[in-house]
Every structure is written in C-alpha cells, then in structure tokens.
Amino acid sequence: MPFLIIMVMLVSCSSGVISWTPHELTDTSDVVITCDATRGNHGLYHFKGPVYVHIGAVTDMGANPGVWQYSKFFWGTHLPEALAKPVGENKWSYSIHNIRKFFDVPDDEKILKIAILFRSECKDTCLALRNRDGSDIFIPVKNIDRE
C-alpha cells in the first residue's frame, strides 16, 4: 500500500487550487488539469452549472512572465472545446493532448507555463476560480532543447 501512495505522489503535482498529471510537463506532453474549488478564492465553490476553461500559454517571447499568449478561447464564451469535465463535488478537469500543438506555438518559442482559469458560463456575471490572492493560475512547463 505505501508503494501505491508514493506512485500517486510521483505522477501528480499540485499548486493547491489545481493539480496536474503527469508531474513534469514538457511542451509536447499530454496533461490532465484538475481544479479544486474548496481551495484558492473559492470562486466556483458549490457551483452547479457548466464550467469552462480560459487557457493560454506563457512563452519566452512574452513581455513578462505573467502575460498570457496563444489563448484558445475568448473570455466568457461557452464553446464545447472549453468545457471542463466534472470529477467530483467542487472539482473539474480539463485535458490537453500535446501542449505545443494545442496552443499552436511556433517551434522557435519556448513554452514556459500554461495559464488557466476555470470559470462559469459568464452570462450576467462570471465566477472564476483563481489563487487565494486573486491571481491567475500557472503550471510550469519544462523545455527540452531541440537540435
């Protein structure tokens, strides 16, 4: 049993508000990102409607380390491709196949982070799960040199 616990710890990483698997991401990794609305700013705590992601990449070509680039979906839209999957009370997940291809980042740019917010549909108001201090959520991406 202790072996199983160690293995789960090795394949999942967490920032508190979100967790992701696998633990170490490269720019071509597939990743599953799961949020926990009992943490952070509680922006989606006990929310029962559909949850969508607002997601982008941060690259070495950005103006600063917090600038989102290559955002996939406009804020507030409710496209089926942006729909997160419910995975328990106050939890949703979103999957990406091949980070670089998903964001369509050119090969000459290094992807440093995935930027992500889980949010409601945004009709009159928009609820969003963020870090406790209200900041955006980032997931580190390891770069592999390509020769």
Protein backbone atom coordinates (compact mmCIF):
# COMPACT_ATOMS: atom_id res chain seq x y z
CA MET A 1 0.00 0.00 0.00
CA PRO A 2 2.77 2.58 0.75
CA PHE A 3 4.14 1.94 -2.76
CA LEU A 4 0.78 3.00 -4.28
CA ILE A 5 0.76 6.22 -2.28
CA ILE A 6 4.29 7.04 -3.41
CA MET A 7 3.37 6.36 -7.05
CA VAL A 8 0.33 8.68 -6.85
CA MET A 9 2.55 11.40 -5.42
CA LEU A 10 5.04 10.95 -8.26
CA VAL A 11 2.54 11.23 -11.11
CA SER A 12 0.54 14.19 -9.82
CA CYS A 13 1.62 17.70 -8.93
CA SER A 14 -0.35 20.45 -7.27
CA SER A 15 -0.41 24.18 -6.73
CA GLY A 16 -3.22 23.92 -4.15
CA VAL A 17 -6.02 25.15 -6.42
CA ILE A 18 -5.11 22.78 -9.23
CA SER A 19 -3.30 19.51 -9.71
CA TRP A 20 -1.96 18.04 -12.91
CA THR A 21 -0.67 14.77 -14.28
CA PRO A 22 1.97 13.92 -15.22
CA HIS A 23 4.11 15.68 -12.64
CA GLU A 24 6.72 17.05 -15.03
CA LEU A 25 5.45 18.58 -18.26
CA THR A 26 7.32 19.20 -21.47
CA ASP A 27 5.98 21.20 -24.40
CA THR A 28 4.73 18.02 -26.12
CA SER A 29 3.18 16.39 -23.03
CA ASP A 30 -0.44 15.37 -22.72
CA VAL A 31 -1.80 16.75 -19.45
CA VAL A 32 -4.90 16.45 -17.30
CA ILE A 33 -5.50 19.53 -15.14
CA THR A 34 -7.93 19.28 -12.20
CA CYS A 35 -9.19 22.18 -10.12
CA ASP A 36 -10.48 22.11 -6.55
CA ALA A 37 -12.95 24.89 -5.75
CA THR A 38 -12.59 24.30 -2.00
CA ARG A 39 -9.21 26.00 -2.36
CA GLY A 40 -7.95 29.31 -3.71
CA ASN A 41 -10.51 32.12 -3.85
CA HIS A 42 -13.42 29.58 -3.78
CA GLY A 43 -14.75 31.20 -6.96
CA LEU A 44 -16.69 28.08 -8.02
CA TYR A 45 -17.40 26.65 -4.56
CA HIS A 46 -20.70 24.72 -4.69
CA PHE A 47 -21.24 25.87 -8.30
CA LYS A 48 -23.62 23.52 -10.13
CA GLY A 49 -23.58 24.78 -13.73
CA PRO A 50 -21.19 24.04 -16.58
CA VAL A 51 -17.56 25.02 -16.01
CA TYR A 52 -15.27 26.19 -18.81
CA VAL A 53 -11.58 26.96 -19.01
CA HIS A 54 -9.88 30.14 -20.05
CA ILE A 55 -6.45 28.90 -21.05
CA GLY A 56 -3.28 30.14 -22.70
CA ALA A 57 0.46 29.68 -22.83
CA VAL A 58 3.25 31.85 -21.49
CA THR A 59 6.33 31.77 -23.71
CA ASP A 60 9.80 33.24 -23.74
CA MET A 61 8.57 35.79 -26.30
CA GLY A 62 6.09 37.39 -23.88
CA ALA A 63 6.54 40.88 -22.45
CA ASN A 64 6.79 39.47 -18.91
CA PRO A 65 6.34 36.13 -17.10
CA GLY A 66 2.62 36.69 -16.47
CA VAL A 67 1.50 37.62 -19.98
CA TRP A 68 -0.90 35.10 -21.48
CA GLN A 69 -0.33 34.29 -25.14
CA TYR A 70 -1.99 31.86 -27.52
CA SER A 71 -5.28 31.90 -25.60
CA LYS A 72 -7.56 29.24 -27.01
CA PHE A 73 -10.96 30.73 -26.14
CA PHE A 74 -12.24 34.27 -25.65
CA TRP A 75 -13.24 35.10 -22.08
CA GLY A 76 -16.91 34.38 -21.46
CA THR A 77 -17.50 32.13 -24.45
CA HIS A 78 -19.04 28.74 -23.84
CA LEU A 79 -17.61 26.59 -26.59
CA PRO A 80 -17.82 22.79 -26.22
CA GLU A 81 -14.00 22.60 -26.64
CA ALA A 82 -13.57 24.70 -23.49
CA LEU A 83 -15.93 22.65 -21.32
CA ALA A 84 -14.34 21.12 -18.23
CA LYS A 85 -15.44 17.71 -17.01
CA PRO A 86 -16.97 17.37 -13.51
CA VAL A 87 -14.90 14.90 -11.48
CA GLY A 88 -16.49 15.18 -8.03
CA GLU A 89 -18.05 17.79 -5.82
CA ASN A 90 -16.30 21.13 -6.38
CA LYS A 91 -13.83 19.56 -8.83
CA TRP A 92 -13.46 19.72 -12.62
CA SER A 93 -10.78 18.55 -15.02
CA TYR A 94 -9.57 19.57 -18.45
CA SER A 95 -7.33 17.53 -20.76
CA ILE A 96 -4.83 18.71 -23.35
CA HIS A 97 -3.22 16.50 -25.96
CA ASN A 98 0.27 17.77 -26.87
CA ILE A 99 0.65 21.20 -25.26
CA ARG A 100 2.58 22.77 -28.17
CA LYS A 101 0.07 21.61 -30.80
CA PHE A 102 -2.92 22.53 -28.62
CA PHE A 103 -1.77 26.16 -28.35
CA ASP A 104 -0.21 26.18 -31.84
CA VAL A 105 3.03 27.72 -30.54
CA PRO A 106 5.80 28.02 -33.16
CA ASP A 107 8.81 25.74 -32.68
CA ASP A 108 11.18 28.70 -32.13
CA GLU A 109 9.34 29.78 -28.95
CA LYS A 110 9.80 28.11 -25.58
CA ILE A 111 6.63 27.40 -23.64
CA LEU A 112 7.33 28.36 -20.03
CA LYS A 113 3.89 27.90 -18.43
CA ILE A 114 0.27 27.04 -19.03
CA ALA A 115 -2.05 29.79 -17.77
CA ILE A 116 -5.51 28.59 -16.76
CA LEU A 117 -8.68 29.70 -15.02
CA PHE A 118 -11.77 27.57 -14.50
CA ARG A 119 -14.92 29.70 -14.81
CA SER A 120 -18.69 29.73 -15.12
CA GLU A 121 -20.55 30.50 -18.35
CA CYS A 122 -20.44 34.31 -17.85
CA LYS A 123 -23.99 35.46 -18.50
CA ASP A 124 -24.69 38.45 -16.21
CA THR A 125 -21.65 37.74 -14.05
CA CYS A 126 -18.76 35.36 -14.30
CA LEU A 127 -17.42 33.24 -11.47
CA ALA A 128 -13.78 32.22 -11.76
CA LEU A 129 -11.56 30.00 -9.65
CA ARG A 130 -8.24 31.73 -9.01
CA ASN A 131 -5.45 31.58 -6.46
CA ARG A 132 -6.36 32.77 -2.97
CA ASP A 133 -4.89 36.23 -3.69
CA GLY A 134 -6.98 36.56 -6.89
CA SER A 135 -4.05 35.93 -9.22
CA ASP A 136 -4.07 33.69 -12.29
CA ILE A 137 -3.05 30.04 -12.09
CA PHE A 138 0.13 28.87 -13.85
CA ILE A 139 1.58 25.41 -14.47
CA PRO A 140 5.32 25.15 -15.20
CA VAL A 141 6.46 23.53 -18.45
CA LYS A 142 9.98 22.12 -18.79
CA ASN A 143 11.76 22.92 -22.02
CA ILE A 144 13.66 20.34 -23.98
CA ASP A 145 16.39 21.55 -26.32
CA ARG A 146 15.70 20.55 -29.91
CA GLU A 147 18.66 20.32 -32.24
